[in-house]
Amino acid sequence: MNARTTQVPPASGRRSGFTLLELLVVITMMIFITTIAVMNYLGVMRGAGWTTLSSNIRNTLLMARQRACLDNKPVVFYLLDKTNYVVQIAHGTVAKIDHGTPQTFWDQEAVLGDTNAPLLNLDRPGATATISGTAPGNLSLSNVNASGVMQTYHVAALRYTVVTNGYWAEGDRYGIQAFTPLTLPKGFEFTPDPLSVSAGQRMVLFQPDGTIDTAGGLSSLVVRETLSGKTALFTMDPSGSISQGP
């Protein structure tokens, strides 16, 4: 009896795995879906950045205005550089400088008594000073009267011993930091660059009655997103109201 041999039928035309074309289609779809997800994520992040930016600047401007009214003194919203800003209480004016070692400032208004306080020159960008001591005194000033006669008079004044940075001159206005300096959200900056413009173009000056001195400072702020170039405009009405536009 002959043993029967079992013949295996030939394999069908089916194959396991994917063709190159199928892999390319799948990869293309994955790239497309990932691109949409990343774009949506970046859009959400940019939207959150604009919301944070708008809230922070608007709230800081409102706080500066409120501080001016409460303290009955001018208050300045000041741009330190492209991304940092601070609120300064405008305390007085340098009536006279004694260029000794160390230097001393005289303030005829005698309104400040803090020691180790940082001073910001509101008329000269970047000029600062740190108070190392204060003392009341009488400041001697000279003036030519209507008849052309030189007269000397004495006024009560406050004498600051200071360590200066940058150039200071008699008549310069100065302020003291009211709040910790703040920073714009990452990816945003003030434009034009505050370090490239005059001091008056770097500050919003609130008067004690809550109005804005547009002659002595800015009436608008422009912030730019560095990635897209999109800008936001903050406008301050002379009455003190604040609005935001594109």
Foldseek 3Di string as FASTA:
>chain_A
DDDDDDDDDDDDPDDDDDDPVVVVVVVVVVVVVVVVVVVVVVVVVVVVLVVVQVVVVVVVLVVQLVCLQVVQFKKKFFDLWWWKTFIWTFFAFFQDWDVDVQIKTKGLVARDFDAQFKKDFLFARPKIKGFHHKDKDWDWDWDQDPVRDIDIDIGIIMMTRIDIDDDDDGGTIITTTPDDMDTRPPQKTWPPIPVVDGSQAGIFMAGNQSFTDVVSHPQKTWMARNPPRDIKMWGADRNNDIDIDD
